[in-house]
N, C-alpha and C. Protein backbone atom coordinates (compact mmCIF):
# COMPACT_ATOMS: atom_id res chain seq x y z
N UNK A 1 0.86 -1.18 0.00
CA UNK A 1 0.00 0.00 0.00
C UNK A 1 0.90 1.23 0.00
N UNK A 2 0.68 2.14 -0.93
CA UNK A 2 1.53 3.33 -0.98
C UNK A 2 1.06 4.38 0.02
N UNK A 3 1.89 5.43 0.21
CA UNK A 3 1.61 6.45 1.24
C UNK A 3 0.34 7.24 0.95
N UNK A 4 -0.02 7.40 -0.33
CA UNK A 4 -1.24 8.13 -0.68
C UNK A 4 -2.48 7.36 -0.22
N UNK A 5 -2.46 6.04 -0.44
CA UNK A 5 -3.58 5.20 0.03
C UNK A 5 -3.65 5.23 1.55
N UNK A 6 -2.49 5.18 2.20
CA UNK A 6 -2.44 5.17 3.67
C UNK A 6 -3.00 6.47 4.23
N UNK A 7 -2.64 7.63 3.62
CA UNK A 7 -3.13 8.91 4.13
C UNK A 7 -4.63 9.04 3.94
N UNK A 8 -5.17 8.50 2.85
CA UNK A 8 -6.63 8.58 2.67
C UNK A 8 -7.33 7.68 3.67
N UNK A 9 -6.70 6.58 4.05
CA UNK A 9 -7.28 5.72 5.08
C UNK A 9 -7.24 6.41 6.43
N UNK A 10 -6.13 7.11 6.72
CA UNK A 10 -5.99 7.80 8.00
C UNK A 10 -7.06 8.88 8.17
N UNK A 11 -7.36 9.62 7.11
CA UNK A 11 -8.34 10.70 7.25
C UNK A 11 -9.75 10.17 7.41
N UNK A 12 -10.00 8.97 6.95
CA UNK A 12 -11.34 8.40 7.06
C UNK A 12 -11.38 7.20 7.99
N UNK A 13 -10.41 7.09 8.89
CA UNK A 13 -10.30 5.87 9.69
C UNK A 13 -11.50 5.63 10.61
N UNK A 14 -12.24 6.66 11.01
CA UNK A 14 -13.37 6.47 11.91
C UNK A 14 -14.70 6.48 11.17
N UNK A 15 -14.65 6.58 9.87
CA UNK A 15 -15.89 6.72 9.10
C UNK A 15 -16.05 5.54 8.16
N UNK A 16 -17.20 4.97 8.24
CA UNK A 16 -17.53 3.92 7.28
C UNK A 16 -18.06 4.61 6.03
N UNK A 17 -18.09 3.91 4.93
CA UNK A 17 -18.69 4.51 3.75
C UNK A 17 -20.06 5.06 4.09
N UNK A 18 -20.64 5.91 3.29
CA UNK A 18 -21.78 6.76 3.57
C UNK A 18 -22.70 6.44 4.73
N UNK A 19 -22.69 5.23 5.28
CA UNK A 19 -23.65 4.90 6.33
C UNK A 19 -23.41 5.67 7.63
N UNK A 20 -22.18 5.90 8.04
CA UNK A 20 -21.95 6.62 9.29
C UNK A 20 -20.59 6.31 9.89
N UNK A 21 -20.45 6.64 11.17
CA UNK A 21 -19.18 6.51 11.88
C UNK A 21 -19.13 5.24 12.72
N UNK A 22 -17.91 4.83 13.07
CA UNK A 22 -17.69 3.71 13.98
C UNK A 22 -17.09 4.26 15.26
N UNK A 23 -17.63 3.87 16.40
CA UNK A 23 -17.10 4.30 17.69
C UNK A 23 -15.95 3.39 18.08
N UNK A 24 -14.83 3.99 18.49
CA UNK A 24 -13.66 3.21 18.90
C UNK A 24 -13.40 3.36 20.40
N UNK A 25 -14.44 3.71 21.15
CA UNK A 25 -14.33 3.81 22.60
C UNK A 25 -14.15 2.40 23.15
N UNK A 26 -13.30 2.27 24.14
CA UNK A 26 -13.03 0.95 24.72
C UNK A 26 -14.34 0.27 25.15
N UNK A 27 -14.57 -0.93 24.66
CA UNK A 27 -15.75 -1.70 25.03
C UNK A 27 -16.99 -1.37 24.22
N UNK A 28 -16.90 -0.48 23.25
CA UNK A 28 -18.07 -0.11 22.44
C UNK A 28 -17.89 -0.67 21.03
N UNK A 29 -18.94 -1.23 20.49
CA UNK A 29 -18.86 -1.80 19.14
C UNK A 29 -19.89 -1.17 18.20
N UNK A 30 -20.37 0.02 18.56
CA UNK A 30 -21.38 0.70 17.73
C UNK A 30 -20.80 1.07 16.37
N UNK A 31 -21.62 0.89 15.34
CA UNK A 31 -21.23 1.26 13.97
C UNK A 31 -22.37 2.01 13.32
N UNK A 32 -22.08 2.61 12.20
CA UNK A 32 -23.08 3.36 11.43
C UNK A 32 -23.76 4.46 12.26
N UNK A 33 -22.96 5.18 13.02
CA UNK A 33 -23.47 6.26 13.87
C UNK A 33 -23.49 7.54 13.05
N UNK A 34 -24.64 8.19 12.98
CA UNK A 34 -24.74 9.45 12.23
C UNK A 34 -24.12 10.61 13.00
N UNK A 35 -24.38 10.71 14.30
CA UNK A 35 -23.85 11.81 15.12
C UNK A 35 -22.94 11.21 16.20
N UNK A 36 -21.68 11.03 15.83
CA UNK A 36 -20.72 10.37 16.72
C UNK A 36 -20.49 11.17 18.00
N UNK A 37 -20.48 12.49 17.90
CA UNK A 37 -20.22 13.29 19.10
C UNK A 37 -21.35 13.14 20.12
N UNK A 38 -22.57 13.16 19.66
CA UNK A 38 -23.71 12.96 20.57
C UNK A 38 -23.63 11.56 21.18
N UNK A 39 -23.27 10.56 20.38
CA UNK A 39 -23.09 9.20 20.89
C UNK A 39 -22.03 9.18 21.99
N UNK A 40 -20.90 9.84 21.74
CA UNK A 40 -19.83 9.88 22.75
C UNK A 40 -20.32 10.52 24.04
N UNK A 41 -21.03 11.64 23.92
CA UNK A 41 -21.52 12.32 25.12
C UNK A 41 -22.50 11.45 25.90
N UNK A 42 -23.50 10.93 25.21
CA UNK A 42 -24.57 10.20 25.90
C UNK A 42 -24.10 8.85 26.42
N UNK A 43 -23.39 8.11 25.59
CA UNK A 43 -23.04 6.74 25.95
C UNK A 43 -21.74 6.61 26.73
N UNK A 44 -20.87 7.59 26.66
CA UNK A 44 -19.56 7.42 27.29
C UNK A 44 -19.20 8.56 28.26
N UNK A 45 -19.19 9.78 27.77
CA UNK A 45 -18.69 10.90 28.58
C UNK A 45 -19.60 11.24 29.76
N UNK A 46 -20.90 11.26 29.55
CA UNK A 46 -21.82 11.61 30.64
C UNK A 46 -21.83 10.59 31.77
N UNK A 47 -21.39 9.37 31.48
CA UNK A 47 -21.39 8.31 32.49
C UNK A 47 -20.12 8.32 33.34
N UNK A 48 -19.12 9.10 32.94
CA UNK A 48 -17.82 9.08 33.63
C UNK A 48 -17.86 9.86 34.94
N UNK A 49 -17.13 9.34 35.93
CA UNK A 49 -16.90 10.10 37.16
C UNK A 49 -15.52 10.73 37.11
N UNK A 50 -14.60 10.08 36.39
CA UNK A 50 -13.28 10.66 36.11
C UNK A 50 -13.30 11.02 34.63
N UNK A 51 -12.72 12.14 34.29
CA UNK A 51 -12.77 12.60 32.91
C UNK A 51 -11.56 12.07 32.15
N UNK A 52 -11.79 10.96 31.40
CA UNK A 52 -10.72 10.31 30.65
C UNK A 52 -11.19 9.99 29.24
N UNK A 53 -10.23 10.02 28.32
CA UNK A 53 -10.51 9.60 26.95
C UNK A 53 -10.14 8.12 26.86
N UNK A 54 -11.10 7.30 26.47
CA UNK A 54 -10.87 5.87 26.36
C UNK A 54 -10.94 5.42 24.89
N UNK A 55 -10.60 6.33 23.99
CA UNK A 55 -10.62 6.06 22.56
C UNK A 55 -9.42 5.20 22.21
N UNK A 56 -9.66 4.06 21.61
CA UNK A 56 -8.60 3.13 21.25
C UNK A 56 -7.61 3.81 20.30
N UNK A 57 -6.33 3.76 20.67
CA UNK A 57 -5.28 4.34 19.84
C UNK A 57 -4.99 5.81 20.12
N UNK A 58 -5.70 6.42 21.06
CA UNK A 58 -5.48 7.84 21.37
C UNK A 58 -4.19 8.01 22.18
N UNK A 59 -3.44 9.06 21.89
CA UNK A 59 -2.22 9.34 22.64
C UNK A 59 -2.51 9.69 24.09
N UNK A 60 -3.70 10.20 24.37
CA UNK A 60 -4.08 10.56 25.74
C UNK A 60 -5.00 9.51 26.35
N UNK A 61 -4.92 8.32 25.84
CA UNK A 61 -5.76 7.21 26.30
C UNK A 61 -5.60 7.01 27.81
N UNK A 62 -6.73 7.00 28.50
CA UNK A 62 -6.80 6.72 29.94
C UNK A 62 -6.12 7.78 30.81
N UNK A 63 -5.78 8.93 30.24
CA UNK A 63 -5.19 10.02 31.04
C UNK A 63 -6.32 10.85 31.62
N UNK A 64 -6.19 11.19 32.90
CA UNK A 64 -7.22 12.01 33.55
C UNK A 64 -7.18 13.42 32.98
N UNK A 65 -8.36 13.99 32.77
CA UNK A 65 -8.47 15.36 32.28
C UNK A 65 -8.98 16.22 33.43
N UNK A 66 -8.67 17.49 33.41
CA UNK A 66 -9.03 18.39 34.50
C UNK A 66 -10.54 18.59 34.62
N UNK A 67 -11.21 18.67 33.49
CA UNK A 67 -12.64 19.00 33.54
C UNK A 67 -13.42 18.21 32.50
N UNK A 68 -14.71 18.20 32.69
CA UNK A 68 -15.60 17.55 31.73
C UNK A 68 -15.50 18.26 30.38
N UNK A 69 -15.48 19.59 30.41
CA UNK A 69 -15.35 20.36 29.17
C UNK A 69 -14.05 20.05 28.45
N UNK A 70 -12.99 19.81 29.23
CA UNK A 70 -11.69 19.49 28.63
C UNK A 70 -11.73 18.17 27.88
N UNK A 71 -12.35 17.16 28.49
CA UNK A 71 -12.43 15.85 27.83
C UNK A 71 -13.39 15.92 26.64
N UNK A 72 -14.47 16.72 26.75
CA UNK A 72 -15.38 16.90 25.61
C UNK A 72 -14.62 17.51 24.44
N UNK A 73 -13.89 18.56 24.74
CA UNK A 73 -13.13 19.26 23.71
C UNK A 73 -12.11 18.31 23.07
N UNK A 74 -11.42 17.52 23.89
CA UNK A 74 -10.43 16.57 23.37
C UNK A 74 -11.10 15.53 22.48
N UNK A 75 -12.24 15.00 22.92
CA UNK A 75 -12.90 13.93 22.16
C UNK A 75 -13.40 14.40 20.80
N UNK A 76 -13.61 15.69 20.65
CA UNK A 76 -14.00 16.22 19.34
C UNK A 76 -12.93 15.92 18.29
N UNK A 77 -11.67 15.80 18.73
CA UNK A 77 -10.57 15.56 17.78
C UNK A 77 -10.67 14.18 17.14
N UNK A 78 -11.43 13.27 17.73
CA UNK A 78 -11.56 11.92 17.18
C UNK A 78 -12.64 11.83 16.11
N UNK A 79 -13.35 12.92 15.88
CA UNK A 79 -14.46 12.90 14.93
C UNK A 79 -14.00 13.62 13.67
N UNK A 80 -13.83 12.89 12.58
CA UNK A 80 -13.31 13.51 11.36
C UNK A 80 -14.28 14.54 10.78
N UNK A 81 -13.71 15.66 10.36
CA UNK A 81 -14.46 16.71 9.66
C UNK A 81 -15.67 17.22 10.42
N UNK A 82 -15.63 17.19 11.74
CA UNK A 82 -16.77 17.67 12.53
C UNK A 82 -16.75 19.19 12.56
N UNK A 83 -17.85 19.78 12.19
CA UNK A 83 -18.00 21.22 12.37
C UNK A 83 -19.04 21.42 13.47
N UNK A 84 -19.00 22.57 14.09
CA UNK A 84 -19.95 22.83 15.18
C UNK A 84 -21.39 22.80 14.68
N UNK A 85 -21.58 23.12 13.40
CA UNK A 85 -22.93 23.11 12.84
C UNK A 85 -23.50 21.69 12.78
N UNK A 86 -22.62 20.69 12.57
CA UNK A 86 -23.08 19.31 12.49
C UNK A 86 -23.39 18.74 13.86
N UNK A 87 -22.81 19.33 14.89
CA UNK A 87 -23.01 18.84 16.24
C UNK A 87 -24.32 19.40 16.80
N UNK A 88 -24.92 18.64 17.70
CA UNK A 88 -26.15 19.11 18.35
C UNK A 88 -25.80 19.94 19.59
N UNK A 89 -24.52 20.09 19.83
CA UNK A 89 -24.04 20.80 21.01
C UNK A 89 -24.33 22.29 20.90
N UNK A 90 -24.75 22.91 22.01
CA UNK A 90 -25.02 24.35 22.05
C UNK A 90 -23.70 25.10 21.93
N UNK A 91 -23.72 26.18 21.16
CA UNK A 91 -22.52 27.01 21.03
C UNK A 91 -22.85 28.45 21.38
N UNK A 92 -21.83 29.19 21.80
CA UNK A 92 -21.93 30.61 22.09
C UNK A 92 -21.04 31.31 21.07
N UNK A 93 -21.58 32.33 20.42
CA UNK A 93 -20.84 33.04 19.38
C UNK A 93 -20.49 34.44 19.86
N UNK A 94 -19.22 34.79 19.71
CA UNK A 94 -18.75 36.13 20.05
C UNK A 94 -19.26 37.09 18.98
N UNK A 95 -19.96 38.13 19.39
CA UNK A 95 -20.54 39.09 18.46
C UNK A 95 -19.48 40.00 17.84
N UNK A 96 -18.31 40.07 18.47
CA UNK A 96 -17.25 40.96 17.98
C UNK A 96 -16.41 40.28 16.90
N UNK A 97 -15.93 39.05 17.19
CA UNK A 97 -15.03 38.38 16.24
C UNK A 97 -15.65 37.14 15.60
N UNK A 98 -16.88 36.80 15.98
CA UNK A 98 -17.64 35.68 15.39
C UNK A 98 -17.06 34.30 15.72
N UNK A 99 -16.16 34.20 16.71
CA UNK A 99 -15.68 32.88 17.13
C UNK A 99 -16.79 32.16 17.87
N UNK A 100 -16.82 30.83 17.73
CA UNK A 100 -17.83 30.03 18.41
C UNK A 100 -17.17 29.22 19.52
N UNK A 101 -17.91 29.06 20.62
CA UNK A 101 -17.40 28.33 21.78
C UNK A 101 -18.43 27.30 22.23
N UNK A 102 -17.94 26.14 22.64
CA UNK A 102 -18.85 25.10 23.13
C UNK A 102 -19.00 25.18 24.64
N UNK A 103 -18.21 26.03 25.27
CA UNK A 103 -18.29 26.21 26.72
C UNK A 103 -18.61 27.67 27.02
N UNK A 104 -19.63 27.88 27.85
CA UNK A 104 -20.03 29.24 28.19
C UNK A 104 -18.92 29.95 28.96
N UNK A 105 -18.22 29.22 29.85
CA UNK A 105 -17.16 29.86 30.64
C UNK A 105 -16.00 30.31 29.75
N UNK A 106 -15.66 29.52 28.77
CA UNK A 106 -14.59 29.91 27.84
C UNK A 106 -15.04 31.10 27.00
N UNK A 107 -16.31 31.10 26.62
CA UNK A 107 -16.86 32.23 25.86
C UNK A 107 -16.75 33.52 26.67
N UNK A 108 -17.15 33.48 27.95
CA UNK A 108 -17.09 34.69 28.78
C UNK A 108 -15.65 35.13 29.04
N UNK A 109 -14.75 34.16 29.21
CA UNK A 109 -13.33 34.50 29.38
C UNK A 109 -12.82 35.20 28.12
N UNK A 110 -13.20 34.67 26.95
CA UNK A 110 -12.81 35.28 25.68
C UNK A 110 -13.40 36.69 25.55
N UNK A 111 -14.67 36.85 25.93
CA UNK A 111 -15.36 38.14 25.82
C UNK A 111 -14.67 39.21 26.67
N UNK A 112 -14.15 38.80 27.84
CA UNK A 112 -13.43 39.75 28.71
C UNK A 112 -12.20 40.31 28.01
N UNK A 113 -11.55 39.48 27.19
CA UNK A 113 -10.36 39.94 26.48
C UNK A 113 -10.70 41.11 25.57
N UNK A 114 -11.88 41.05 24.94
CA UNK A 114 -12.29 42.17 24.09
C UNK A 114 -12.48 43.44 24.91
N UNK A 115 -13.12 43.32 26.08
CA UNK A 115 -13.34 44.53 26.90
C UNK A 115 -12.02 45.06 27.44
N UNK A 116 -11.09 44.16 27.78
CA UNK A 116 -9.77 44.60 28.24
C UNK A 116 -9.07 45.34 27.10
N UNK A 117 -9.15 44.79 25.89
CA UNK A 117 -8.53 45.45 24.73
C UNK A 117 -9.19 46.80 24.46
N UNK A 118 -10.52 46.87 24.61
CA UNK A 118 -11.22 48.13 24.39
C UNK A 118 -10.76 49.18 25.39
N UNK A 119 -10.62 48.79 26.68
CA UNK A 119 -10.14 49.74 27.69
C UNK A 119 -8.72 50.17 27.39
N UNK A 120 -7.88 49.22 26.97
CA UNK A 120 -6.49 49.54 26.63
C UNK A 120 -6.47 50.51 25.45
N UNK A 121 -7.30 50.24 24.44
CA UNK A 121 -7.36 51.14 23.28
C UNK A 121 -7.85 52.52 23.70
N UNK A 122 -8.85 52.56 24.60
CA UNK A 122 -9.37 53.84 25.08
C UNK A 122 -8.27 54.61 25.82
N UNK A 123 -7.51 53.91 26.68
CA UNK A 123 -6.40 54.55 27.39
C UNK A 123 -5.33 55.04 26.41
N UNK A 124 -5.05 54.23 25.39
CA UNK A 124 -4.07 54.64 24.39
C UNK A 124 -4.53 55.89 23.65
N UNK A 125 -5.81 55.96 23.32
CA UNK A 125 -6.36 57.14 22.63
C UNK A 125 -6.24 58.37 23.51
N UNK A 126 -6.57 58.23 24.81
CA UNK A 126 -6.43 59.36 25.73
C UNK A 126 -4.98 59.80 25.83
N UNK A 127 -4.07 58.83 25.90
CA UNK A 127 -2.64 59.14 25.99
C UNK A 127 -2.17 59.85 24.73
N UNK A 128 -2.60 59.37 23.57
CA UNK A 128 -2.23 60.00 22.30
C UNK A 128 -2.77 61.42 22.24
N UNK A 129 -4.00 61.62 22.69
CA UNK A 129 -4.61 62.95 22.69
C UNK A 129 -3.82 63.90 23.58
N UNK A 130 -3.44 63.44 24.77
CA UNK A 130 -2.66 64.28 25.69
C UNK A 130 -1.29 64.60 25.08
N UNK A 131 -0.65 63.60 24.49
CA UNK A 131 0.65 63.83 23.87
C UNK A 131 0.53 64.79 22.68
N UNK A 132 -0.56 64.70 21.96
CA UNK A 132 -0.79 65.61 20.83
C UNK A 132 -0.90 67.05 21.31
N UNK A 133 -1.65 67.27 22.41
CA UNK A 133 -1.77 68.62 22.97
C UNK A 133 -0.41 69.13 23.44
N UNK A 134 0.37 68.27 24.09
CA UNK A 134 1.70 68.67 24.54
C UNK A 134 2.60 69.03 23.35
N UNK A 135 2.50 68.24 22.29
CA UNK A 135 3.30 68.50 21.10
C UNK A 135 2.93 69.85 20.47
N UNK A 136 1.64 70.15 20.40
CA UNK A 136 1.20 71.44 19.85
C UNK A 136 1.71 72.60 20.70
N UNK A 137 1.64 72.45 22.03
CA UNK A 137 2.15 73.50 22.92
C UNK A 137 3.66 73.66 22.73
N UNK A 138 4.36 72.54 22.57
CA UNK A 138 5.81 72.59 22.36
C UNK A 138 6.14 73.30 21.04
N UNK A 139 5.37 72.98 19.99
CA UNK A 139 5.60 73.64 18.69
C UNK A 139 5.38 75.15 18.80
N UNK A 140 4.32 75.54 19.51
CA UNK A 140 4.01 76.96 19.69
C UNK A 140 5.15 77.65 20.45
N UNK A 141 5.60 77.03 21.56
CA UNK A 141 6.70 77.60 22.35
C UNK A 141 7.98 77.69 21.52
N UNK A 142 8.24 76.66 20.73
CA UNK A 142 9.44 76.64 19.90
C UNK A 142 9.40 77.77 18.87
N UNK A 143 8.25 77.97 18.25
CA UNK A 143 8.10 79.04 17.26
C UNK A 143 8.30 80.41 17.92
N UNK A 144 7.75 80.58 19.10
CA UNK A 144 7.91 81.84 19.82
C UNK A 144 9.39 82.07 20.17
N UNK A 145 10.07 81.02 20.61
CA UNK A 145 11.50 81.13 20.91
C UNK A 145 12.29 81.49 19.66
N UNK A 146 11.96 80.90 18.53
CA UNK A 146 12.65 81.23 17.28
C UNK A 146 12.46 82.70 16.91
N UNK A 147 11.22 83.18 17.08
CA UNK A 147 10.95 84.60 16.78
C UNK A 147 11.79 85.50 17.71
N UNK A 148 11.80 85.17 19.00
CA UNK A 148 12.58 85.95 19.97
C UNK A 148 14.06 85.94 19.62
N UNK A 149 14.58 84.77 19.26
CA UNK A 149 16.00 84.66 18.89
C UNK A 149 16.27 85.52 17.65
N UNK A 150 15.39 85.46 16.67
CA UNK A 150 15.56 86.26 15.46
C UNK A 150 15.58 87.75 15.80
N UNK A 151 14.62 88.18 16.63
CA UNK A 151 14.57 89.59 17.02
C UNK A 151 15.83 90.00 17.77
N UNK A 152 16.30 89.15 18.67
CA UNK A 152 17.53 89.46 19.43
C UNK A 152 18.72 89.56 18.49
N UNK A 153 18.78 88.64 17.52
CA UNK A 153 19.88 88.69 16.55
C UNK A 153 19.83 89.99 15.74
N UNK A 154 18.64 90.41 15.36
CA UNK A 154 18.50 91.66 14.61
C UNK A 154 18.93 92.84 15.48
N UNK A 155 18.53 92.82 16.75
CA UNK A 155 18.94 93.89 17.67
C UNK A 155 20.45 93.91 17.83
N UNK A 156 21.04 92.72 17.95
CA UNK A 156 22.50 92.64 18.11
C UNK A 156 23.19 93.20 16.86
N UNK A 157 22.68 92.84 15.68
CA UNK A 157 23.27 93.36 14.45
C UNK A 157 23.17 94.89 14.41
N UNK A 158 22.00 95.38 14.80
CA UNK A 158 21.81 96.83 14.81
C UNK A 158 22.77 97.48 15.80
N UNK A 159 22.81 96.91 17.02
CA UNK A 159 23.70 97.47 18.04
C UNK A 159 25.15 97.35 17.62
N UNK A 160 25.50 96.21 17.05
CA UNK A 160 26.88 96.03 16.59
C UNK A 160 27.22 97.08 15.54
N UNK A 161 26.30 97.34 14.64
CA UNK A 161 26.52 98.36 13.61
C UNK A 161 26.65 99.74 14.23
N UNK A 162 25.81 100.07 15.21
CA UNK A 162 25.84 101.36 15.87
C UNK A 162 27.13 101.52 16.67
N UNK A 163 27.50 100.47 17.40
CA UNK A 163 28.74 100.51 18.20
C UNK A 163 29.95 100.65 17.28
N UNK A 164 29.91 99.95 16.17
CA UNK A 164 31.00 100.04 15.21
C UNK A 164 31.15 101.48 14.68
N UNK A 165 30.04 102.14 14.41
CA UNK A 165 30.06 103.54 13.95
C UNK A 165 30.67 104.43 15.03
N UNK A 166 30.27 104.21 16.29
CA UNK A 166 30.80 105.02 17.39
C UNK A 166 32.31 104.84 17.48
N UNK A 167 32.75 103.59 17.38
CA UNK A 167 34.20 103.32 17.48
C UNK A 167 34.94 103.96 16.31
N UNK A 168 34.40 103.85 15.11
CA UNK A 168 35.05 104.44 13.93
C UNK A 168 35.18 105.96 14.10
N UNK A 169 34.10 106.57 14.53
CA UNK A 169 34.13 108.02 14.70
C UNK A 169 35.07 108.41 15.83
N UNK A 170 35.13 107.58 16.87
CA UNK A 170 36.01 107.88 17.99
C UNK A 170 37.46 107.81 17.53
N UNK A 171 37.75 106.77 16.73
CA UNK A 171 39.11 106.62 16.22
C UNK A 171 39.47 107.80 15.32
N UNK A 172 38.53 108.26 14.54
CA UNK A 172 38.76 109.41 13.67
C UNK A 172 38.84 110.69 14.49
N UNK A 173 38.34 110.59 15.72
CA UNK A 173 38.39 111.74 16.59
C UNK A 173 37.15 112.59 16.56
N UNK A 174 36.04 112.10 16.03
CA UNK A 174 34.81 112.87 15.95
C UNK A 174 33.90 112.45 17.08
N UNK A 175 33.40 113.46 17.81
CA UNK A 175 32.43 113.19 18.86
C UNK A 175 31.09 113.00 18.18
N UNK A 176 30.49 111.86 18.39
CA UNK A 176 29.25 111.57 17.66
C UNK A 176 28.09 112.39 18.18
N UNK A 177 28.23 112.96 19.39
CA UNK A 177 27.10 113.69 19.96
C UNK A 177 27.07 115.16 19.51
N UNK A 178 28.25 115.71 19.42
CA UNK A 178 28.23 117.13 19.03
C UNK A 178 28.96 117.40 17.71
N UNK A 179 29.61 116.37 17.15
CA UNK A 179 30.27 116.51 15.85
C UNK A 179 31.64 117.16 15.92
N UNK A 180 32.14 117.56 17.10
CA UNK A 180 33.45 118.19 17.23
C UNK A 180 34.55 117.16 17.13
N UNK A 181 35.68 117.58 16.61
CA UNK A 181 36.83 116.70 16.51
C UNK A 181 37.50 116.65 17.87
N UNK A 182 37.53 115.45 18.49
CA UNK A 182 38.07 115.32 19.85
C UNK A 182 39.57 115.44 19.87
N UNK A 183 40.25 115.24 18.81
CA UNK A 183 41.70 115.28 18.80
C UNK A 183 42.22 116.72 18.73
N UNK A 184 41.41 117.60 18.30
CA UNK A 184 41.85 118.97 18.13
C UNK A 184 41.69 119.79 19.40
N UNK A 185 41.04 119.35 20.39
CA UNK A 185 40.79 120.13 21.60
C UNK A 185 41.96 120.12 22.52
């Protein structure tokens, strides 16, 4: 048997031709089951006092599970191509991201994550708004400082020019206030 034939057998190993599924739970010989998950719940999982998967060939065979929901969730993996729509199990759908959950507690835990994210986003928006106002104030202050520096530079140039004229006239000996030659007195 080549690997292609083997892989097609592996994907359909729990399903008989069109009639239905075969249960491989230890001690069960049911065949032609239309809704294998409901069969597992009613005939096997609901009767357990310890939550264990007793599916023949399972890697977690006979291992205790923490909760009933945990073993239910695990046992879903033994049902080929099972979608939640095919199952009779009640589901909860998140209105925000449209994810479906088979456990109400997991649904509510998931829903809290959205509200935590919304609060975080709200805080981020407030922080961005505050930083934006600070940035605008900083830009305004910076522009005002640039104007002041420009004005001071212009004043310095003017004063430097005026002082230079005074020095030139002094060196020439002219009193800038009365126009008399200071060297001749």
